[in-house]
Amino acid sequence: MGKNEIKDFIKFAPSFMEHKNIWSSYDEDADVLYIDFKKPSHSDDSELTDDDVIIRYEKGEIIGLTILHAKSRKSLS
């Protein structure tokens, strides 16, 4: 990970601070990044945003994000 990538990651930190644990995994073949705020998570609803992010819900609470086309997204800088 380069210094610019670290700076980009740090920009996200305040958004994630309310969650005590965060898990992530990346599927390189599908170019999909999975971010989970709860383990185990069993979503009962989801929403696809205009920018190809799937917000996953369990009983109305956001429990994770699925970011499609993750590698092709532009840097935050």
N, C-alpha and C. Protein backbone atom coordinates (compact mmCIF):
# COMPACT_ATOMS: atom_id res chain seq x y z
N MET A 1 0.85 -1.17 0.00
CA MET A 1 0.00 0.00 0.00
C MET A 1 0.89 1.22 0.00
N GLY A 2 0.62 2.14 -0.92
CA GLY A 2 1.41 3.36 -1.01
C GLY A 2 0.88 4.46 -0.11
N LYS A 3 1.65 5.54 0.02
CA LYS A 3 1.27 6.65 0.90
C LYS A 3 -0.04 7.30 0.46
N ASN A 4 -0.27 7.43 -0.85
CA ASN A 4 -1.51 8.03 -1.32
C ASN A 4 -2.71 7.15 -0.98
N GLU A 5 -2.53 5.84 -1.06
CA GLU A 5 -3.61 4.93 -0.70
C GLU A 5 -3.93 5.03 0.78
N ILE A 6 -2.90 5.20 1.60
CA ILE A 6 -3.11 5.36 3.04
C ILE A 6 -3.89 6.64 3.32
N LYS A 7 -3.54 7.72 2.63
CA LYS A 7 -4.25 8.99 2.81
C LYS A 7 -5.73 8.82 2.42
N ASP A 8 -5.99 8.12 1.34
CA ASP A 8 -7.37 7.88 0.92
C ASP A 8 -8.12 7.09 1.99
N PHE A 9 -7.47 6.07 2.52
CA PHE A 9 -8.08 5.22 3.54
C PHE A 9 -8.40 6.03 4.80
N ILE A 10 -7.48 6.90 5.20
CA ILE A 10 -7.66 7.70 6.40
C ILE A 10 -8.86 8.63 6.27
N LYS A 11 -9.16 9.08 5.07
CA LYS A 11 -10.33 9.94 4.86
C LYS A 11 -11.63 9.24 5.27
N PHE A 12 -11.65 7.91 5.16
CA PHE A 12 -12.84 7.14 5.52
C PHE A 12 -12.96 6.90 7.02
N ALA A 13 -11.89 7.03 7.76
CA ALA A 13 -11.87 6.64 9.17
C ALA A 13 -13.01 7.23 9.99
N PRO A 14 -13.32 8.53 9.90
CA PRO A 14 -14.41 9.06 10.73
C PRO A 14 -15.75 8.37 10.47
N SER A 15 -16.00 7.97 9.25
CA SER A 15 -17.25 7.30 8.92
C SER A 15 -17.36 5.94 9.58
N PHE A 16 -16.25 5.28 9.79
CA PHE A 16 -16.25 3.93 10.33
C PHE A 16 -16.09 3.88 11.85
N MET A 17 -15.82 5.00 12.47
CA MET A 17 -15.52 5.00 13.90
C MET A 17 -16.69 4.56 14.76
N GLU A 18 -17.91 4.71 14.28
CA GLU A 18 -19.05 4.30 15.09
C GLU A 18 -19.18 2.79 15.17
N HIS A 19 -18.48 2.08 14.32
CA HIS A 19 -18.51 0.61 14.31
C HIS A 19 -17.28 0.08 15.04
N LYS A 20 -17.48 -0.79 15.99
CA LYS A 20 -16.36 -1.32 16.75
C LYS A 20 -15.53 -2.30 15.93
N ASN A 21 -16.18 -3.02 15.03
CA ASN A 21 -15.48 -3.99 14.18
C ASN A 21 -15.93 -3.82 12.74
N ILE A 22 -14.99 -3.96 11.85
CA ILE A 22 -15.28 -3.90 10.42
C ILE A 22 -14.50 -5.02 9.75
N TRP A 23 -15.17 -5.79 8.92
CA TRP A 23 -14.53 -6.85 8.16
C TRP A 23 -14.66 -6.52 6.70
N SER A 24 -13.65 -6.88 5.94
CA SER A 24 -13.73 -6.65 4.49
C SER A 24 -13.07 -7.81 3.76
N SER A 25 -13.53 -8.01 2.55
CA SER A 25 -12.89 -8.97 1.66
C SER A 25 -13.08 -8.48 0.24
N TYR A 26 -12.15 -8.85 -0.61
CA TYR A 26 -12.18 -8.41 -2.00
C TYR A 26 -12.15 -9.63 -2.90
N ASP A 27 -13.09 -9.70 -3.82
CA ASP A 27 -13.14 -10.76 -4.82
C ASP A 27 -12.55 -10.20 -6.11
N GLU A 28 -11.31 -10.56 -6.39
CA GLU A 28 -10.61 -10.00 -7.53
C GLU A 28 -11.25 -10.39 -8.86
N ASP A 29 -11.70 -11.63 -8.97
CA ASP A 29 -12.32 -12.08 -10.22
C ASP A 29 -13.58 -11.28 -10.55
N ALA A 30 -14.37 -10.98 -9.54
CA ALA A 30 -15.62 -10.24 -9.74
C ALA A 30 -15.43 -8.73 -9.58
N ASP A 31 -14.27 -8.30 -9.07
CA ASP A 31 -13.99 -6.90 -8.78
C ASP A 31 -15.04 -6.31 -7.84
N VAL A 32 -15.25 -7.02 -6.73
CA VAL A 32 -16.26 -6.62 -5.75
C VAL A 32 -15.61 -6.57 -4.36
N LEU A 33 -15.84 -5.46 -3.66
CA LEU A 33 -15.36 -5.29 -2.30
C LEU A 33 -16.54 -5.43 -1.35
N TYR A 34 -16.40 -6.32 -0.37
CA TYR A 34 -17.44 -6.55 0.62
C TYR A 34 -16.98 -5.93 1.95
N ILE A 35 -17.82 -5.10 2.54
CA ILE A 35 -17.53 -4.51 3.84
C ILE A 35 -18.68 -4.89 4.77
N ASP A 36 -18.34 -5.50 5.90
CA ASP A 36 -19.35 -5.94 6.86
C ASP A 36 -19.14 -5.23 8.18
N PHE A 37 -20.23 -4.76 8.78
CA PHE A 37 -20.19 -4.11 10.07
C PHE A 37 -20.67 -5.04 11.18
N LYS A 38 -21.09 -6.24 10.80
CA LYS A 38 -21.62 -7.19 11.77
C LYS A 38 -21.28 -8.60 11.29
N LYS A 39 -20.84 -9.44 12.19
CA LYS A 39 -20.57 -10.85 11.88
C LYS A 39 -21.21 -11.71 12.95
N PRO A 40 -21.93 -12.71 12.65
CA PRO A 40 -22.39 -13.02 11.30
C PRO A 40 -23.47 -12.02 10.88
N SER A 41 -23.57 -11.81 9.60
CA SER A 41 -24.59 -10.91 9.08
C SER A 41 -25.52 -11.68 8.17
N HIS A 42 -26.79 -11.41 8.34
CA HIS A 42 -27.82 -12.07 7.53
C HIS A 42 -28.76 -10.99 7.04
N SER A 43 -28.47 -10.45 5.86
CA SER A 43 -29.29 -9.36 5.36
C SER A 43 -30.68 -9.85 4.99
N ASP A 44 -31.66 -9.00 5.28
CA ASP A 44 -33.03 -9.31 4.90
C ASP A 44 -33.57 -8.31 3.89
N ASP A 45 -32.71 -7.32 3.52
CA ASP A 45 -33.09 -6.33 2.53
C ASP A 45 -31.82 -5.70 1.98
N SER A 46 -31.91 -5.12 0.81
CA SER A 46 -30.76 -4.44 0.22
C SER A 46 -31.26 -3.36 -0.74
N GLU A 47 -30.34 -2.46 -1.04
CA GLU A 47 -30.65 -1.34 -1.92
C GLU A 47 -29.45 -1.09 -2.82
N LEU A 48 -29.66 -0.99 -4.11
CA LEU A 48 -28.59 -0.68 -5.06
C LEU A 48 -28.61 0.82 -5.33
N THR A 49 -27.50 1.50 -5.05
CA THR A 49 -27.42 2.93 -5.28
C THR A 49 -27.06 3.22 -6.74
N ASP A 50 -27.17 4.49 -7.11
CA ASP A 50 -26.85 4.90 -8.48
C ASP A 50 -25.38 4.70 -8.83
N ASP A 51 -24.51 4.63 -7.81
CA ASP A 51 -23.08 4.45 -8.07
C ASP A 51 -22.62 3.01 -7.81
N ASP A 52 -23.52 2.05 -8.00
CA ASP A 52 -23.20 0.63 -7.93
C ASP A 52 -22.65 0.18 -6.57
N VAL A 53 -23.28 0.63 -5.52
CA VAL A 53 -23.00 0.16 -4.17
C VAL A 53 -24.28 -0.48 -3.65
N ILE A 54 -24.17 -1.69 -3.15
CA ILE A 54 -25.32 -2.35 -2.56
C ILE A 54 -25.24 -2.16 -1.05
N ILE A 55 -26.26 -1.53 -0.50
CA ILE A 55 -26.35 -1.34 0.94
C ILE A 55 -27.18 -2.50 1.48
N ARG A 56 -26.60 -3.24 2.42
CA ARG A 56 -27.29 -4.42 2.97
C ARG A 56 -27.84 -4.11 4.35
N TYR A 57 -29.08 -4.54 4.58
CA TYR A 57 -29.80 -4.25 5.83
C TYR A 57 -30.19 -5.54 6.54
N GLU A 58 -30.26 -5.44 7.85
CA GLU A 58 -30.85 -6.49 8.68
C GLU A 58 -31.74 -5.79 9.70
N LYS A 59 -33.03 -6.05 9.61
CA LYS A 59 -34.02 -5.42 10.50
C LYS A 59 -33.89 -3.90 10.48
N GLY A 60 -33.69 -3.33 9.30
CA GLY A 60 -33.62 -1.88 9.13
C GLY A 60 -32.28 -1.25 9.42
N GLU A 61 -31.32 -2.02 9.93
CA GLU A 61 -30.00 -1.51 10.27
C GLU A 61 -29.01 -1.85 9.15
N ILE A 62 -28.18 -0.90 8.77
CA ILE A 62 -27.16 -1.17 7.76
C ILE A 62 -26.11 -2.10 8.37
N ILE A 63 -25.92 -3.25 7.73
CA ILE A 63 -24.94 -4.21 8.25
C ILE A 63 -23.76 -4.41 7.31
N GLY A 64 -23.84 -3.82 6.10
CA GLY A 64 -22.72 -3.98 5.19
C GLY A 64 -22.91 -3.26 3.88
N LEU A 65 -21.81 -3.19 3.16
CA LEU A 65 -21.79 -2.60 1.82
C LEU A 65 -21.14 -3.58 0.86
N THR A 66 -21.64 -3.62 -0.34
CA THR A 66 -21.02 -4.38 -1.42
C THR A 66 -20.70 -3.37 -2.51
N ILE A 67 -19.42 -3.17 -2.78
CA ILE A 67 -19.00 -2.15 -3.74
C ILE A 67 -18.62 -2.84 -5.04
N LEU A 68 -19.44 -2.64 -6.05
CA LEU A 68 -19.21 -3.24 -7.36
C LEU A 68 -18.18 -2.42 -8.13
N HIS A 69 -17.44 -3.04 -9.02
CA HIS A 69 -16.41 -2.38 -9.85
C HIS A 69 -15.41 -1.64 -8.96
N ALA A 70 -15.03 -2.25 -7.87
CA ALA A 70 -14.21 -1.59 -6.85
C ALA A 70 -12.86 -1.10 -7.38
N LYS A 71 -12.19 -1.92 -8.14
CA LYS A 71 -10.84 -1.58 -8.60
C LYS A 71 -10.85 -0.44 -9.61
N SER A 72 -11.92 -0.32 -10.36
CA SER A 72 -11.98 0.68 -11.41
C SER A 72 -12.40 2.06 -10.91
N ARG A 73 -12.71 2.18 -9.64
CA ARG A 73 -13.12 3.48 -9.10
C ARG A 73 -11.92 4.41 -8.98
N LYS A 74 -12.18 5.67 -9.16
CA LYS A 74 -11.10 6.67 -9.10
C LYS A 74 -10.64 6.89 -7.67
N SER A 75 -9.41 7.30 -7.51
CA SER A 75 -8.86 7.64 -6.22
C SER A 75 -9.60 8.84 -5.64
N LEU A 76 -9.61 8.95 -4.32
CA LEU A 76 -10.27 10.07 -3.65
C LEU A 76 -9.45 11.35 -3.71
N SER A 77 -8.20 11.26 -4.09
CA SER A 77 -7.34 12.46 -4.05
C SER A 77 -7.64 13.42 -5.17
